[in-house]
Amino acid sequence: MSNDKSLQDTNIKIGTKQTTKMVEQGKAIEVYVALDADKKLISKITSLCTKRNVKVTEVITMQELGKLCGIEVGAAMAVVVK
């Protein structure tokens, strides 16, 4: 992970639909993906990020990503938005 601090203080959106939407709209700065999430989801979002030149940061587990986002459940992905 690029920074070990919490993402709670940044402008983030959590979840697959929100992350995809923000990348497609060109509002994404950086996307975080959990490596234990569904491989199809990870593949789809990383491919989209590559096309849109958005940095992708990998987090080991969905639980860890959820904790970084300040939620008590796991998250497959999250996006930092402009």
PDB file of N, CA and C in Angstrom:
ATOM      1  N   MET A   1       0.834  -1.183   0.000  1.00  0.00           N
ATOM      2  CA  MET A   1       0.000   0.000   0.000  1.00  0.00           C
ATOM      3  C   MET A   1       0.871   1.235   0.000  1.00  0.00           C
ATOM      4  N   SER A   2       0.480   2.259  -0.735  1.00  0.00           N
ATOM      5  CA  SER A   2       1.321   3.437  -0.893  1.00  0.00           C
ATOM      6  C   SER A   2       1.471   4.222   0.401  1.00  0.00           C
ATOM      7  N   ASN A   3       0.437   4.244   1.224  1.00  0.00           N
ATOM      8  CA  ASN A   3       0.545   4.899   2.519  1.00  0.00           C
ATOM      9  C   ASN A   3      -0.203   4.061   3.539  1.00  0.00           C
ATOM     10  N   ASP A   4       0.395   3.893   4.695  1.00  0.00           N
ATOM     11  CA  ASP A   4      -0.189   3.013   5.695  1.00  0.00           C
ATOM     12  C   ASP A   4      -1.225   3.703   6.561  1.00  0.00           C
ATOM     13  N   LYS A   5      -1.498   4.960   6.291  1.00  0.00           N
ATOM     14  CA  LYS A   5      -2.510   5.652   7.084  1.00  0.00           C
ATOM     15  C   LYS A   5      -3.907   5.341   6.553  1.00  0.00           C
ATOM     16  N   SER A   6      -4.873   5.734   7.280  1.00  0.00           N
ATOM     17  CA  SER A   6      -6.257   5.480   6.933  1.00  0.00           C
ATOM     18  C   SER A   6      -6.696   6.310   5.732  1.00  0.00           C
ATOM     19  N   LEU A   7      -7.639   5.768   4.979  1.00  0.00           N
ATOM     20  CA  LEU A   7      -8.217   6.500   3.852  1.00  0.00           C
ATOM     21  C   LEU A   7      -9.409   7.346   4.292  1.00  0.00           C
ATOM     22  N   GLN A   8      -9.781   7.247   5.560  1.00  0.00           N
ATOM     23  CA  GLN A   8     -10.974   7.921   6.060  1.00  0.00           C
ATOM     24  C   GLN A   8     -10.940   9.429   5.865  1.00  0.00           C
ATOM     25  N   ASP A   9      -9.754  10.016   5.877  1.00  0.00           N
ATOM     26  CA  ASP A   9      -9.641  11.470   5.785  1.00  0.00           C
ATOM     27  C   ASP A   9      -9.621  11.978   4.348  1.00  0.00           C
ATOM     28  N   THR A  10      -9.690  11.068   3.390  1.00  0.00           N
ATOM     29  CA  THR A  10      -9.688  11.474   1.988  1.00  0.00           C
ATOM     30  C   THR A  10     -11.099  11.327   1.412  1.00  0.00           C
ATOM     31  N   ASN A  11     -11.307  11.875   0.241  1.00  0.00           N
ATOM     32  CA  ASN A  11     -12.594  11.767  -0.433  1.00  0.00           C
ATOM     33  C   ASN A  11     -12.626  10.429  -1.164  1.00  0.00           C
ATOM     34  N   ILE A  12     -13.309   9.451  -0.580  1.00  0.00           N
ATOM     35  CA  ILE A  12     -13.336   8.109  -1.159  1.00  0.00           C
ATOM     36  C   ILE A  12     -14.753   7.627  -1.430  1.00  0.00           C
ATOM     37  N   LYS A  13     -14.829   6.674  -2.321  1.00  0.00           N
ATOM     38  CA  LYS A  13     -16.054   5.928  -2.587  1.00  0.00           C
ATOM     39  C   LYS A  13     -15.685   4.470  -2.401  1.00  0.00           C
ATOM     40  N   ILE A  14     -16.580   3.696  -1.807  1.00  0.00           N
ATOM     41  CA  ILE A  14     -16.295   2.308  -1.491  1.00  0.00           C
ATOM     42  C   ILE A  14     -17.227   1.398  -2.275  1.00  0.00           C
ATOM     43  N   GLY A  15     -16.671   0.331  -2.828  1.00  0.00           N
ATOM     44  CA  GLY A  15     -17.472  -0.673  -3.511  1.00  0.00           C
ATOM     45  C   GLY A  15     -17.194  -0.732  -5.001  1.00  0.00           C
ATOM     46  N   THR A  16     -17.565  -1.850  -5.572  1.00  0.00           N
ATOM     47  CA  THR A  16     -17.286  -2.110  -6.982  1.00  0.00           C
ATOM     48  C   THR A  16     -18.011  -1.148  -7.915  1.00  0.00           C
ATOM     49  N   LYS A  17     -19.304  -0.957  -7.699  1.00  0.00           N
ATOM     50  CA  LYS A  17     -20.083  -0.091  -8.588  1.00  0.00           C
ATOM     51  C   LYS A  17     -19.600   1.357  -8.532  1.00  0.00           C
ATOM     52  N   GLN A  18     -19.394   1.856  -7.320  1.00  0.00           N
ATOM     53  CA  GLN A  18     -18.944   3.242  -7.161  1.00  0.00           C
ATOM     54  C   GLN A  18     -17.547   3.438  -7.746  1.00  0.00           C
ATOM     55  N   THR A  19     -16.664   2.475  -7.511  1.00  0.00           N
ATOM     56  CA  THR A  19     -15.298   2.576  -8.023  1.00  0.00           C
ATOM     57  C   THR A  19     -15.299   2.592  -9.545  1.00  0.00           C
ATOM     58  N   THR A  20     -16.025   1.666 -10.142  1.00  0.00           N
ATOM     59  CA  THR A  20     -16.100   1.590 -11.606  1.00  0.00           C
ATOM     60  C   THR A  20     -16.656   2.887 -12.178  1.00  0.00           C
ATOM     61  N   LYS A  21     -17.704   3.378 -11.573  1.00  0.00           N
ATOM     62  CA  LYS A  21     -18.349   4.611 -12.031  1.00  0.00           C
ATOM     63  C   LYS A  21     -17.379   5.796 -11.990  1.00  0.00           C
ATOM     64  N   MET A  22     -16.639   5.936 -10.907  1.00  0.00           N
ATOM     65  CA  MET A  22     -15.709   7.060 -10.767  1.00  0.00           C
ATOM     66  C   MET A  22     -14.559   6.976 -11.777  1.00  0.00           C
ATOM     67  N   VAL A  23     -14.066   5.771 -12.029  1.00  0.00           N
ATOM     68  CA  VAL A  23     -12.995   5.597 -13.024  1.00  0.00           C
ATOM     69  C   VAL A  23     -13.529   5.937 -14.412  1.00  0.00           C
ATOM     70  N   GLU A  24     -14.720   5.435 -14.743  1.00  0.00           N
ATOM     71  CA  GLU A  24     -15.311   5.703 -16.058  1.00  0.00           C
ATOM     72  C   GLU A  24     -15.581   7.185 -16.270  1.00  0.00           C
ATOM     73  N   GLN A  25     -15.932   7.891 -15.208  1.00  0.00           N
ATOM     74  CA  GLN A  25     -16.220   9.323 -15.316  1.00  0.00           C
ATOM     75  C   GLN A  25     -14.963  10.191 -15.250  1.00  0.00           C
ATOM     76  N   GLY A  26     -13.808   9.576 -15.069  1.00  0.00           N
ATOM     77  CA  GLY A  26     -12.563  10.323 -15.015  1.00  0.00           C
ATOM     78  C   GLY A  26     -12.347  11.063 -13.704  1.00  0.00           C
ATOM     79  N   LYS A  27     -13.022  10.641 -12.652  1.00  0.00           N
ATOM     80  CA  LYS A  27     -12.905  11.306 -11.352  1.00  0.00           C
ATOM     81  C   LYS A  27     -11.950  10.594 -10.400  1.00  0.00           C
ATOM     82  N   ALA A  28     -11.418   9.457 -10.811  1.00  0.00           N
ATOM     83  CA  ALA A  28     -10.567   8.644  -9.935  1.00  0.00           C
ATOM     84  C   ALA A  28      -9.132   9.141  -9.929  1.00  0.00           C
ATOM     85  N   ILE A  29      -8.551   9.186  -8.736  1.00  0.00           N
ATOM     86  CA  ILE A  29      -7.137   9.510  -8.573  1.00  0.00           C
ATOM     87  C   ILE A  29      -6.351   8.220  -8.366  1.00  0.00           C
ATOM     88  N   GLU A  30      -6.877   7.372  -7.484  1.00  0.00           N
ATOM     89  CA  GLU A  30      -6.213   6.108  -7.164  1.00  0.00           C
ATOM     90  C   GLU A  30      -7.263   5.081  -6.749  1.00  0.00           C
ATOM     91  N   VAL A  31      -7.064   3.843  -7.180  1.00  0.00           N
ATOM     92  CA  VAL A  31      -7.980   2.765  -6.842  1.00  0.00           C
ATOM     93  C   VAL A  31      -7.246   1.766  -5.950  1.00  0.00           C
ATOM     94  N   TYR A  32      -7.929   1.314  -4.902  1.00  0.00           N
ATOM     95  CA  TYR A  32      -7.409   0.286  -4.004  1.00  0.00           C
ATOM     96  C   TYR A  32      -8.213  -0.979  -4.220  1.00  0.00           C
ATOM     97  N   VAL A  33      -7.527  -2.099  -4.433  1.00  0.00           N
ATOM     98  CA  VAL A  33      -8.210  -3.375  -4.619  1.00  0.00           C
ATOM     99  C   VAL A  33      -7.705  -4.388  -3.599  1.00  0.00           C
ATOM    100  N   ALA A  34      -8.619  -5.192  -3.093  1.00  0.00           N
ATOM    101  CA  ALA A  34      -8.268  -6.258  -2.165  1.00  0.00           C
ATOM    102  C   ALA A  34      -7.921  -7.508  -2.967  1.00  0.00           C
ATOM    103  N   LEU A  35      -6.776  -8.099  -2.676  1.00  0.00           N
ATOM    104  CA  LEU A  35      -6.313  -9.246  -3.447  1.00  0.00           C
ATOM    105  C   LEU A  35      -7.138 -10.506  -3.220  1.00  0.00           C
ATOM    106  N   ASP A  36      -7.925 -10.541  -2.135  1.00  0.00           N
ATOM    107  CA  ASP A  36      -8.762 -11.723  -1.910  1.00  0.00           C
ATOM    108  C   ASP A  36     -10.191 -11.542  -2.433  1.00  0.00           C
ATOM    109  N   ALA A  37     -10.414 -10.470  -3.172  1.00  0.00           N
ATOM    110  CA  ALA A  37     -11.720 -10.242  -3.796  1.00  0.00           C
ATOM    111  C   ALA A  37     -11.835 -11.118  -5.050  1.00  0.00           C
ATOM    112  N   ASP A  38     -13.024 -11.167  -5.612  1.00  0.00           N
ATOM    113  CA  ASP A  38     -13.289 -11.943  -6.821  1.00  0.00           C
ATOM    114  C   ASP A  38     -12.305 -11.547  -7.926  1.00  0.00           C
ATOM    115  N   LYS A  39     -11.638 -12.531  -8.495  1.00  0.00           N
ATOM    116  CA  LYS A  39     -10.597 -12.278  -9.512  1.00  0.00           C
ATOM    117  C   LYS A  39     -11.156 -11.574 -10.747  1.00  0.00           C
ATOM    118  N   LYS A  40     -12.406 -11.863 -11.111  1.00  0.00           N
ATOM    119  CA  LYS A  40     -13.019 -11.195 -12.266  1.00  0.00           C
ATOM    120  C   LYS A  40     -13.177  -9.706 -12.007  1.00  0.00           C
ATOM    121  N   LEU A  41     -13.570  -9.359 -10.782  1.00  0.00           N
ATOM    122  CA  LEU A  41     -13.723  -7.941 -10.423  1.00  0.00           C
ATOM    123  C   LEU A  41     -12.386  -7.214 -10.461  1.00  0.00           C
ATOM    124  N   ILE A  42     -11.376  -7.854  -9.891  1.00  0.00           N
ATOM    125  CA  ILE A  42     -10.044  -7.253  -9.871  1.00  0.00           C
ATOM    126  C   ILE A  42      -9.532  -7.050 -11.290  1.00  0.00           C
ATOM    127  N   SER A  43      -9.686  -8.066 -12.115  1.00  0.00           N
ATOM    128  CA  SER A  43      -9.224  -7.996 -13.497  1.00  0.00           C
ATOM    129  C   SER A  43      -9.918  -6.873 -14.261  1.00  0.00           C
ATOM    130  N   LYS A  44     -11.223  -6.773 -14.093  1.00  0.00           N
ATOM    131  CA  LYS A  44     -12.004  -5.749 -14.806  1.00  0.00           C
ATOM    132  C   LYS A  44     -11.576  -4.338 -14.401  1.00  0.00           C
ATOM    133  N   ILE A  45     -11.446  -4.098 -13.087  1.00  0.00           N
ATOM    134  CA  ILE A  45     -11.120  -2.742 -12.652  1.00  0.00           C
ATOM    135  C   ILE A  45      -9.660  -2.390 -12.961  1.00  0.00           C
ATOM    136  N   THR A  46      -8.745  -3.348 -12.849  1.00  0.00           N
ATOM    137  CA  THR A  46      -7.350  -3.030 -13.161  1.00  0.00           C
ATOM    138  C   THR A  46      -7.180  -2.739 -14.656  1.00  0.00           C
ATOM    139  N   SER A  47      -7.924  -3.451 -15.481  1.00  0.00           N
ATOM    140  CA  SER A  47      -7.884  -3.195 -16.921  1.00  0.00           C
ATOM    141  C   SER A  47      -8.422  -1.799 -17.234  1.00  0.00           C
ATOM    142  N   LEU A  48      -9.524  -1.443 -16.604  1.00  0.00           N
ATOM    143  CA  LEU A  48     -10.119  -0.120 -16.803  1.00  0.00           C
ATOM    144  C   LEU A  48      -9.164   0.973 -16.318  1.00  0.00           C
ATOM    145  N   CYS A  49      -8.530   0.742 -15.180  1.00  0.00           N
ATOM    146  CA  CYS A  49      -7.583   1.728 -14.633  1.00  0.00           C
ATOM    147  C   CYS A  49      -6.372   1.904 -15.546  1.00  0.00           C
ATOM    148  N   THR A  50      -5.911   0.817 -16.136  1.00  0.00           N
ATOM    149  CA  THR A  50      -4.782   0.896 -17.066  1.00  0.00           C
ATOM    150  C   THR A  50      -5.149   1.769 -18.259  1.00  0.00           C
ATOM    151  N   LYS A  51      -6.342   1.562 -18.796  1.00  0.00           N
ATOM    152  CA  LYS A  51      -6.800   2.357 -19.939  1.00  0.00           C
ATOM    153  C   LYS A  51      -6.939   3.833 -19.594  1.00  0.00           C
ATOM    154  N   ARG A  52      -7.337   4.116 -18.351  1.00  0.00           N
ATOM    155  CA  ARG A  52      -7.587   5.492 -17.917  1.00  0.00           C
ATOM    156  C   ARG A  52      -6.406   6.117 -17.168  1.00  0.00           C
ATOM    157  N   ASN A  53      -5.279   5.402 -17.110  1.00  0.00           N
ATOM    158  CA  ASN A  53      -4.083   5.879 -16.410  1.00  0.00           C
ATOM    159  C   ASN A  53      -4.349   6.228 -14.951  1.00  0.00           C
ATOM    160  N   VAL A  54      -5.043   5.339 -14.255  1.00  0.00           N
ATOM    161  CA  VAL A  54      -5.333   5.510 -12.832  1.00  0.00           C
ATOM    162  C   VAL A  54      -4.465   4.518 -12.059  1.00  0.00           C
ATOM    163  N   LYS A  55      -3.803   5.006 -11.022  1.00  0.00           N
ATOM    164  CA  LYS A  55      -2.943   4.159 -10.204  1.00  0.00           C
ATOM    165  C   LYS A  55      -3.784   3.138  -9.436  1.00  0.00           C
ATOM    166  N   VAL A  56      -3.310   1.885  -9.405  1.00  0.00           N
ATOM    167  CA  VAL A  56      -3.966   0.823  -8.652  1.00  0.00           C
ATOM    168  C   VAL A  56      -3.033   0.388  -7.526  1.00  0.00           C
ATOM    169  N   THR A  57      -3.556   0.380  -6.307  1.00  0.00           N
ATOM    170  CA  THR A  57      -2.801  -0.061  -5.141  1.00  0.00           C
ATOM    171  C   THR A  57      -3.462  -1.316  -4.590  1.00  0.00           C
ATOM    172  N   GLU A  58      -2.661  -2.334  -4.358  1.00  0.00           N
ATOM    173  CA  GLU A  58      -3.181  -3.601  -3.863  1.00  0.00           C
ATOM    174  C   GLU A  58      -3.126  -3.649  -2.340  1.00  0.00           C
ATOM    175  N   VAL A  59      -4.185  -4.165  -1.747  1.00  0.00           N
ATOM    176  CA  VAL A  59      -4.280  -4.391  -0.311  1.00  0.00           C
ATOM    177  C   VAL A  59      -4.495  -5.894  -0.148  1.00  0.00           C
ATOM    178  N   ILE A  60      -3.887  -6.490   0.866  1.00  0.00           N
ATOM    179  CA  ILE A  60      -3.911  -7.940   1.020  1.00  0.00           C
ATOM    180  C   ILE A  60      -5.320  -8.518   1.165  1.00  0.00           C
ATOM    181  N   THR A  61      -6.139  -7.956   2.064  1.00  0.00           N
ATOM    182  CA  THR A  61      -7.461  -8.539   2.299  1.00  0.00           C
ATOM    183  C   THR A  61      -8.576  -7.498   2.214  1.00  0.00           C
ATOM    184  N   MET A  62      -9.784  -7.992   1.977  1.00  0.00           N
ATOM    185  CA  MET A  62     -10.954  -7.115   1.953  1.00  0.00           C
ATOM    186  C   MET A  62     -11.196  -6.519   3.338  1.00  0.00           C
ATOM    187  N   GLN A  63     -10.930  -7.305   4.367  1.00  0.00           N
ATOM    188  CA  GLN A  63     -11.115  -6.820   5.740  1.00  0.00           C
ATOM    189  C   GLN A  63     -10.170  -5.647   6.025  1.00  0.00           C
ATOM    190  N   GLU A  64      -8.930  -5.769   5.576  1.00  0.00           N
ATOM    191  CA  GLU A  64      -7.947  -4.699   5.767  1.00  0.00           C
ATOM    192  C   GLU A  64      -8.375  -3.429   5.015  1.00  0.00           C
ATOM    193  N   LEU A  65      -8.853  -3.587   3.798  1.00  0.00           N
ATOM    194  CA  LEU A  65      -9.296  -2.434   3.017  1.00  0.00           C
ATOM    195  C   LEU A  65     -10.502  -1.773   3.676  1.00  0.00           C
ATOM    196  N   GLY A  66     -11.433  -2.567   4.150  1.00  0.00           N
ATOM    197  CA  GLY A  66     -12.588  -2.013   4.856  1.00  0.00           C
ATOM    198  C   GLY A  66     -12.156  -1.201   6.068  1.00  0.00           C
ATOM    199  N   LYS A  67     -11.205  -1.729   6.822  1.00  0.00           N
ATOM    200  CA  LYS A  67     -10.703  -1.045   8.006  1.00  0.00           C
ATOM    201  C   LYS A  67     -10.037   0.284   7.620  1.00  0.00           C
ATOM    202  N   LEU A  68      -9.264   0.279   6.527  1.00  0.00           N
ATOM    203  CA  LEU A  68      -8.626   1.504   6.049  1.00  0.00           C
ATOM    204  C   LEU A  68      -9.653   2.561   5.647  1.00  0.00           C
ATOM    205  N   CYS A  69     -10.788   2.088   5.154  1.00  0.00           N
ATOM    206  CA  CYS A  69     -11.855   2.991   4.717  1.00  0.00           C
ATOM    207  C   CYS A  69     -12.748   3.445   5.875  1.00  0.00           C
ATOM    208  N   GLY A  70     -12.531   2.872   7.052  1.00  0.00           N
ATOM    209  CA  GLY A  70     -13.307   3.265   8.217  1.00  0.00           C
ATOM    210  C   GLY A  70     -14.653   2.576   8.335  1.00  0.00           C
ATOM    211  N   ILE A  71     -14.769   1.400   7.707  1.00  0.00           N
ATOM    212  CA  ILE A  71     -16.009   0.634   7.833  1.00  0.00           C
ATOM    213  C   ILE A  71     -15.707  -0.686   8.533  1.00  0.00           C
ATOM    214  N   GLU A  72     -16.729  -1.295   9.095  1.00  0.00           N
ATOM    215  CA  GLU A  72     -16.523  -2.504   9.881  1.00  0.00           C
ATOM    216  C   GLU A  72     -16.668  -3.790   9.080  1.00  0.00           C
ATOM    217  N   VAL A  73     -16.907  -3.660   7.805  1.00  0.00           N
ATOM    218  CA  VAL A  73     -17.008  -4.835   6.933  1.00  0.00           C
ATOM    219  C   VAL A  73     -15.919  -4.756   5.867  1.00  0.00           C
ATOM    220  N   GLY A  74     -15.699  -5.852   5.194  1.00  0.00           N
ATOM    221  CA  GLY A  74     -14.692  -5.858   4.150  1.00  0.00           C
ATOM    222  C   GLY A  74     -15.140  -5.093   2.903  1.00  0.00           C
ATOM    223  N   ALA A  75     -14.179  -4.690   2.102  1.00  0.00           N
ATOM    224  CA  ALA A  75     -14.458  -3.993   0.850  1.00  0.00           C
ATOM    225  C   ALA A  75     -13.567  -4.573  -0.239  1.00  0.00           C
ATOM    226  N   ALA A  76     -14.143  -4.866  -1.388  1.00  0.00           N
ATOM    227  CA  ALA A  76     -13.370  -5.418  -2.504  1.00  0.00           C
ATOM    228  C   ALA A  76     -12.501  -4.341  -3.135  1.00  0.00           C
ATOM    229  N   MET A  77     -13.038  -3.121  -3.198  1.00  0.00           N
ATOM    230  CA  MET A  77     -12.278  -2.020  -3.786  1.00  0.00           C
ATOM    231  C   MET A  77     -12.822  -0.690  -3.303  1.00  0.00           C
ATOM    232  N   ALA A  78     -11.972   0.312  -3.432  1.00  0.00           N
ATOM    233  CA  ALA A  78     -12.336   1.683  -3.079  1.00  0.00           C
ATOM    234  C   ALA A  78     -11.569   2.610  -4.004  1.00  0.00           C
ATOM    235  N   VAL A  79     -12.062   3.822  -4.138  1.00  0.00           N
ATOM    236  CA  VAL A  79     -11.435   4.782  -5.033  1.00  0.00           C
ATOM    237  C   VAL A  79     -11.308   6.141  -4.332  1.00  0.00           C
ATOM    238  N   VAL A  80     -10.147   6.757  -4.532  1.00  0.00           N
ATOM    239  CA  VAL A  80      -9.940   8.132  -4.064  1.00  0.00           C
ATOM    240  C   VAL A  80     -10.348   9.019  -5.231  1.00  0.00           C
ATOM    241  N   VAL A  81     -11.256   9.947  -4.976  1.00  0.00           N
ATOM    242  CA  VAL A  81     -11.771  10.805  -6.047  1.00  0.00           C
ATOM    243  C   VAL A  81     -11.311  12.244  -5.901  1.00  0.00           C
ATOM    244  N   LYS A  82     -11.329  12.931  -7.043  1.00  0.00           N
ATOM    245  CA  LYS A  82     -10.909  14.338  -7.086  1.00  0.00           C
ATOM    246  C   LYS A  82     -11.870  15.210  -6.324  1.00  0.00           C
TER     247      LYS A  82
END
